[in-house]
Amino acid sequence: MNCASLMLAAWVIESAIGYPDRLHRRIGHPVVWMGALIHRLDRTLNRPGLGRGRRHAFGIATTGVTVALATGAGLAAATLPASPLGWLAQAAIASSLIASRSLYVHVAVVADALASGDLTSARTALAHIVGRDTTELTAAAVARAALESLSENTSDGVIAPVFWGVLLGLPGLAAYKAINTLDSMIGHRSERYAAFGAFAAHLDDLVNWLPARLTALLFAVASRKRQAFKVMFRDARNHRSPNAGWPESAAAGALGVRLSGPRRYGDHTAWESWLNADAHDPELADLRRGLVLYVKTAVLAGLLLAAIAVLPRLL
């Protein structure tokens, strides 16, 4: 079986059953394990009294150790017996590093809370998937933030891990997930992480460069709307991130809404450019349509992956 077949099986498993709660309670989750390691290294090495140069060097070391251990675990899993049972075990392990089902569920919870008129619950649900302050967001701002998270994490949580898994197998998938987790934890521009997390942030930008653009194209094709392509190519570069602007702008154009714009992180307001600025703010109906677009995009990506898996047998 090739890597594409393995990733396709992993994606099907994750989409069908996700990561079982019982297993999570018993042994935790691979991303939680990575997070615990990163947290330990952060507390040990990222001390305020150190100079910028040493904190940067320790940040590189933290990234290197985390990625090396994750890659090693992926290599160990890839050595499971070359039997149907061993292959299925590898697919199950790989499925834990894809977040297709969980992403849909988390965003759907936000939509359901908005639909019931419970803005407080919607804000609380949103806080689980975004890093900004959600306590004073309006319903439109909640819907906008949920759509932004849905579109960006379609790349980070689904397309990118599958992409690297197809290219480099389980070791590549595990390495990508480690890099992405490092970025989410220490890749901030705050005083504490400006030096320590800089290398992790740049590395995350690098490994997400192509998957983010692939995700944007998948959104645009799945929507079958010219506006998605137009907004993507016009506005993606205006985003603060070199990558997130691509799937977000494609989704904005596909849904006919504006995304990004000003947002609060604690006591700081980030004055970001709008994507598809002339469109209206998202409403509940737009968030629902965003979930439908997400499913269509996932199906399209799955068909592409299936074609890649079958192609070697036809040649």
Protein backbone atom coordinates (compact mmCIF):
# COMPACT_ATOMS: atom_id res chain seq x y z
CA MET A 1 0.00 0.00 0.00
CA ASN A 2 1.31 3.47 -0.84
CA CYS A 3 1.24 6.52 1.42
CA ALA A 4 -1.78 7.98 -0.38
CA SER A 5 -3.80 4.83 0.35
CA LEU A 6 -2.75 5.01 4.00
CA MET A 7 -3.77 8.66 4.29
CA LEU A 8 -7.08 7.98 2.56
CA ALA A 9 -7.86 5.19 5.03
CA ALA A 10 -6.80 7.41 7.94
CA TRP A 11 -9.04 10.23 6.72
CA VAL A 12 -12.02 7.89 6.35
CA ILE A 13 -11.49 6.56 9.89
CA GLU A 14 -11.22 10.04 11.36
CA SER A 15 -14.23 11.34 9.44
CA ALA A 16 -16.34 8.37 10.49
CA ILE A 17 -15.52 8.03 14.20
CA GLY A 18 -13.00 10.72 15.13
CA TYR A 19 -10.77 10.10 18.14
CA PRO A 20 -12.75 8.03 20.68
CA ASP A 21 -13.50 9.83 23.95
CA ARG A 22 -12.83 6.65 25.91
CA LEU A 23 -9.36 6.41 24.42
CA HIS A 24 -8.75 10.10 25.10
CA ARG A 25 -9.67 9.66 28.75
CA ARG A 26 -7.48 6.59 29.09
CA ILE A 27 -4.27 7.60 27.32
CA GLY A 28 -4.76 11.18 26.12
CA HIS A 29 -4.13 12.32 22.55
CA PRO A 30 -0.89 12.55 20.51
CA VAL A 31 -1.27 16.32 20.15
CA VAL A 32 -1.73 16.61 23.92
CA TRP A 33 1.47 14.64 24.39
CA MET A 34 3.29 16.99 22.05
CA GLY A 35 1.81 19.95 23.87
CA ALA A 36 2.96 18.64 27.25
CA LEU A 37 6.52 18.27 25.94
CA ILE A 38 6.52 21.76 24.43
CA HIS A 39 5.13 23.23 27.65
CA ARG A 40 7.84 21.51 29.70
CA LEU A 41 10.61 22.76 27.42
CA ASP A 42 9.09 26.24 27.35
CA ARG A 43 9.03 26.48 31.16
CA THR A 44 12.55 25.09 31.43
CA LEU A 45 14.34 26.95 28.64
CA ASN A 46 12.38 30.13 27.97
CA ARG A 47 13.41 32.05 31.07
CA PRO A 48 12.81 35.83 31.14
CA GLY A 49 16.31 36.59 32.41
CA LEU A 50 17.98 35.18 29.31
CA GLY A 51 19.07 37.40 26.43
CA ARG A 52 17.26 37.37 23.10
CA GLY A 53 19.98 35.38 21.36
CA ARG A 54 19.96 32.56 23.90
CA ARG A 55 16.17 32.42 23.95
CA HIS A 56 16.16 32.17 20.17
CA ALA A 57 18.73 29.36 20.30
CA PHE A 58 16.76 27.51 22.95
CA GLY A 59 13.63 27.94 20.83
CA ILE A 60 15.41 26.29 17.89
CA ALA A 61 16.47 23.45 20.21
CA THR A 62 12.90 23.06 21.49
CA THR A 63 11.59 22.86 17.94
CA GLY A 64 14.30 20.39 16.93
CA VAL A 65 13.71 18.07 19.90
CA THR A 66 9.93 18.10 19.49
CA VAL A 67 10.00 17.46 15.75
CA ALA A 68 12.69 14.78 16.10
CA LEU A 69 10.73 12.87 18.73
CA ALA A 70 7.50 13.10 16.73
CA THR A 71 9.27 11.93 13.59
CA GLY A 72 10.85 9.07 15.51
CA ALA A 73 7.44 8.00 16.80
CA GLY A 74 6.13 8.13 13.22
CA LEU A 75 9.04 6.00 12.03
CA ALA A 76 8.36 3.47 14.80
CA ALA A 77 4.69 3.26 13.83
CA ALA A 78 5.67 2.82 10.18
CA THR A 79 7.57 -0.36 11.09
CA LEU A 80 4.43 -2.21 12.12
CA PRO A 81 4.08 -5.55 10.30
CA ALA A 82 3.27 -5.30 6.59
CA SER A 83 -0.02 -7.13 7.03
CA PRO A 84 -3.63 -5.99 6.71
CA LEU A 85 -3.86 -5.66 10.49
CA GLY A 86 -0.58 -3.74 10.70
CA TRP A 87 -1.64 -1.44 7.87
CA LEU A 88 -4.98 -0.79 9.59
CA ALA A 89 -3.14 0.02 12.82
CA GLN A 90 -0.99 2.54 10.97
CA ALA A 91 -4.09 4.12 9.45
CA ALA A 92 -5.70 4.36 12.89
CA ILE A 93 -2.58 6.06 14.29
CA ALA A 94 -2.48 8.46 11.36
CA SER A 95 -6.17 9.27 11.83
CA SER A 96 -5.41 10.73 15.27
CA LEU A 97 -3.33 13.44 13.59
CA ILE A 98 -6.11 14.60 11.22
CA ALA A 99 -8.89 16.86 12.52
CA SER A 100 -11.57 16.70 9.83
CA ARG A 101 -14.49 15.51 11.95
CA SER A 102 -13.55 17.46 15.07
CA LEU A 103 -13.24 20.72 13.10
CA TYR A 104 -16.75 20.31 11.69
CA VAL A 105 -18.18 19.44 15.10
CA HIS A 106 -16.57 22.41 16.87
CA VAL A 107 -17.83 24.91 14.30
CA ALA A 108 -21.26 23.28 14.19
CA VAL A 109 -21.56 23.77 17.96
CA VAL A 110 -21.02 27.51 17.45
CA ALA A 111 -23.67 27.56 14.72
CA ASP A 112 -26.17 25.64 16.85
CA ALA A 113 -25.68 28.05 19.76
CA LEU A 114 -26.27 31.03 17.47
CA ALA A 115 -29.36 29.34 16.05
CA SER A 116 -30.81 28.94 19.55
CA GLY A 117 -30.15 32.62 20.32
CA ASP A 118 -27.62 31.76 23.04
CA LEU A 119 -24.84 34.22 22.25
CA THR A 120 -23.00 33.46 25.50
CA SER A 121 -22.75 29.75 24.64
CA ALA A 122 -21.72 30.63 21.08
CA ARG A 123 -18.90 32.81 22.41
CA THR A 124 -17.81 30.03 24.78
CA ALA A 125 -17.82 27.44 21.99
CA LEU A 126 -15.88 29.79 19.74
CA ALA A 127 -13.22 30.31 22.43
CA HIS A 128 -12.28 26.63 22.03
CA ILE A 129 -11.19 27.14 18.42
CA VAL A 130 -9.78 30.69 18.28
CA GLY A 131 -7.11 32.52 20.24
CA ARG A 132 -8.82 35.89 20.49
CA ASP A 133 -11.03 37.36 23.22
CA THR A 134 -14.62 36.27 22.51
CA THR A 135 -16.39 37.68 25.57
CA GLU A 136 -17.78 40.80 23.88
CA LEU A 137 -18.21 39.62 20.29
CA THR A 138 -21.47 40.28 18.51
CA ALA A 139 -23.31 37.46 16.75
CA ALA A 140 -21.89 38.63 13.41
CA ALA A 141 -18.35 38.71 14.84
CA VAL A 142 -18.82 35.21 16.25
CA ALA A 143 -19.97 33.92 12.87
CA ARG A 144 -17.05 35.66 11.16
CA ALA A 145 -14.47 34.25 13.57
CA ALA A 146 -15.95 30.76 13.23
CA LEU A 147 -15.74 30.94 9.44
CA GLU A 148 -12.15 32.16 9.63
CA SER A 149 -11.23 29.29 11.93
CA LEU A 150 -13.05 26.80 9.70
CA SER A 151 -11.27 27.95 6.55
CA GLU A 152 -7.79 28.29 8.10
CA ASN A 153 -7.99 24.99 9.95
CA THR A 154 -9.20 23.17 6.87
CA SER A 155 -5.63 23.76 5.74
CA ASP A 156 -3.79 23.34 9.05
CA GLY A 157 -5.86 20.50 10.46
CA VAL A 158 -6.87 18.51 7.38
CA ILE A 159 -5.23 19.25 4.03
CA ALA A 160 -1.70 19.97 5.29
CA PRO A 161 -1.33 16.84 7.47
CA VAL A 162 -2.73 14.66 4.68
CA PHE A 163 -0.43 16.40 2.18
CA TRP A 164 2.70 15.68 4.22
CA GLY A 165 1.48 12.18 4.99
CA VAL A 166 1.14 11.46 1.27
CA LEU A 167 4.64 12.81 0.59
CA LEU A 168 6.51 11.36 3.58
CA GLY A 169 4.24 8.80 5.21
CA LEU A 170 3.62 8.57 8.94
CA PRO A 171 6.94 10.24 9.85
CA GLY A 172 6.09 13.25 7.69
CA LEU A 173 2.58 13.47 9.10
CA ALA A 174 3.88 13.33 12.69
CA ALA A 175 6.60 15.89 11.97
CA TYR A 176 4.06 18.29 10.44
CA LYS A 177 1.73 17.95 13.42
CA ALA A 178 4.61 18.70 15.78
CA ILE A 179 5.53 21.84 13.83
CA ASN A 180 1.93 23.03 13.76
CA THR A 181 1.52 22.40 17.49
CA LEU A 182 4.75 24.29 18.20
CA ASP A 183 3.48 27.26 16.23
CA SER A 184 0.14 27.30 18.03
CA MET A 185 1.85 27.24 21.43
CA ILE A 186 5.01 29.32 21.05
CA GLY A 187 4.81 30.91 17.59
CA HIS A 188 3.34 34.18 18.88
CA ARG A 189 4.72 37.69 18.51
CA SER A 190 4.36 38.41 22.22
CA GLU A 191 7.25 39.54 24.38
CA ARG A 192 7.67 36.04 25.80
CA TYR A 193 7.76 34.25 22.44
CA ALA A 194 9.14 36.80 19.97
CA ALA A 195 12.58 35.19 20.18
CA PHE A 196 11.83 31.73 21.59
CA GLY A 197 9.09 30.90 19.10
CA ALA A 198 10.41 32.69 16.02
CA PHE A 199 12.01 29.61 14.45
CA ALA A 200 8.89 27.49 15.02
CA ALA A 201 6.69 30.18 13.47
CA HIS A 202 8.89 30.47 10.38
CA LEU A 203 9.05 26.70 10.01
CA ASP A 204 5.27 26.48 10.24
CA ASP A 205 4.95 29.14 7.53
CA LEU A 206 7.25 27.08 5.32
CA VAL A 207 5.50 23.72 5.68
CA ASN A 208 2.06 25.29 5.23
CA TRP A 209 2.93 27.38 2.16
CA LEU A 210 1.78 24.91 -0.48
CA PRO A 211 -1.05 23.21 1.49
CA ALA A 212 -2.66 26.59 2.23
CA ARG A 213 -2.77 27.48 -1.45
CA LEU A 214 -4.00 24.02 -2.36
CA THR A 215 -6.78 24.37 0.22
CA ALA A 216 -7.77 27.73 -1.25
CA LEU A 217 -8.00 26.22 -4.73
CA LEU A 218 -10.09 23.35 -3.39
CA PHE A 219 -12.48 25.81 -1.72
CA ALA A 220 -12.79 27.80 -4.93
CA VAL A 221 -13.34 24.76 -7.14
CA ALA A 222 -15.82 23.20 -4.70
CA SER A 223 -17.81 26.45 -4.61
CA ARG A 224 -17.89 26.72 -8.42
CA LYS A 225 -17.91 30.51 -8.11
CA ARG A 226 -15.65 32.90 -9.98
CA GLN A 227 -15.79 35.30 -7.06
CA ALA A 228 -13.90 32.79 -4.93
CA PHE A 229 -10.97 32.85 -7.36
CA LYS A 230 -11.17 36.62 -7.76
CA VAL A 231 -11.11 37.39 -4.03
CA MET A 232 -8.45 34.75 -3.38
CA PHE A 233 -5.97 36.15 -5.89
CA ARG A 234 -6.78 39.77 -5.00
CA ASP A 235 -6.92 39.72 -1.19
CA ALA A 236 -4.92 36.74 0.10
CA ARG A 237 -1.68 38.72 0.25
CA ASN A 238 -3.33 41.38 2.42
CA HIS A 239 -3.65 38.97 5.33
CA ARG A 240 -1.23 39.18 8.26
CA SER A 241 -0.29 35.53 7.66
CA PRO A 242 1.54 34.45 4.50
CA ASN A 243 -0.68 31.37 4.38
CA ALA A 244 -4.00 31.79 6.24
CA GLY A 245 -5.16 34.53 3.88
CA TRP A 246 -5.45 32.06 1.01
CA PRO A 247 -8.13 29.69 2.34
CA GLU A 248 -9.84 32.54 4.21
CA SER A 249 -10.09 34.77 1.15
CA ALA A 250 -11.27 31.87 -1.03
CA ALA A 251 -13.98 31.08 1.52
CA ALA A 252 -14.93 34.76 1.77
CA GLY A 253 -15.39 34.98 -1.99
CA ALA A 254 -17.22 31.68 -2.20
CA LEU A 255 -19.70 32.66 0.52
CA GLY A 256 -20.02 36.34 -0.43
CA VAL A 257 -19.01 37.61 3.02
CA ARG A 258 -16.17 39.65 4.43
CA LEU A 259 -13.64 38.06 6.78
CA SER A 260 -10.60 39.07 8.83
CA GLY A 261 -10.62 42.76 9.84
CA PRO A 262 -9.96 44.11 13.36
CA ARG A 263 -9.94 41.63 16.26
CA ARG A 264 -8.94 41.63 19.93
CA TYR A 265 -6.28 39.46 21.58
CA GLY A 266 -6.44 40.17 25.30
CA ASP A 267 -5.89 43.92 25.75
CA HIS A 268 -4.49 44.33 22.23
CA THR A 269 -6.46 45.15 19.08
CA ALA A 270 -5.03 43.91 15.78
CA TRP A 271 -6.08 46.17 12.91
CA GLU A 272 -6.14 43.66 10.10
CA SER A 273 -7.22 44.22 6.51
CA TRP A 274 -10.60 42.94 5.37
CA LEU A 275 -10.89 40.07 2.93
CA ASN A 276 -13.68 40.72 0.40
CA ALA A 277 -14.22 44.09 2.08
CA ASP A 278 -17.27 45.13 0.05
CA ALA A 279 -19.33 42.13 1.13
CA HIS A 280 -21.59 41.90 4.19
CA ASP A 281 -20.71 40.52 7.63
CA PRO A 282 -21.44 36.80 8.01
CA GLU A 283 -24.73 35.69 9.52
CA LEU A 284 -25.86 32.33 10.85
CA ALA A 285 -27.00 31.27 7.37
CA ASP A 286 -23.52 32.04 6.02
CA LEU A 287 -21.92 29.95 8.75
CA ARG A 288 -24.20 27.06 7.83
CA ARG A 289 -23.26 27.48 4.17
CA GLY A 290 -19.63 27.54 5.22
CA LEU A 291 -20.04 24.12 6.81
CA VAL A 292 -21.61 22.82 3.60
CA LEU A 293 -18.71 24.26 1.61
CA TYR A 294 -16.30 22.58 4.01
CA VAL A 295 -17.94 19.19 3.38
CA LYS A 296 -17.88 19.71 -0.39
CA THR A 297 -14.20 20.68 -0.20
CA ALA A 298 -13.39 17.63 1.90
CA VAL A 299 -15.18 15.36 -0.58
CA LEU A 300 -13.32 16.94 -3.48
CA ALA A 301 -9.98 16.55 -1.68
CA GLY A 302 -10.87 12.95 -0.82
CA LEU A 303 -11.60 12.15 -4.46
CA LEU A 304 -8.28 13.71 -5.45
CA LEU A 305 -6.51 11.64 -2.82
CA ALA A 306 -8.25 8.48 -4.03
CA ALA A 307 -7.10 9.21 -7.57
CA ILE A 308 -3.51 9.64 -6.34
CA ALA A 309 -3.78 6.35 -4.43
CA VAL A 310 -5.06 4.42 -7.47
CA LEU A 311 -2.84 6.03 -10.12
CA PRO A 312 0.30 3.91 -9.41
CA ARG A 313 -1.72 0.74 -10.01
CA LEU A 314 -2.88 1.98 -13.41
CA LEU A 315 0.60 2.85 -14.69
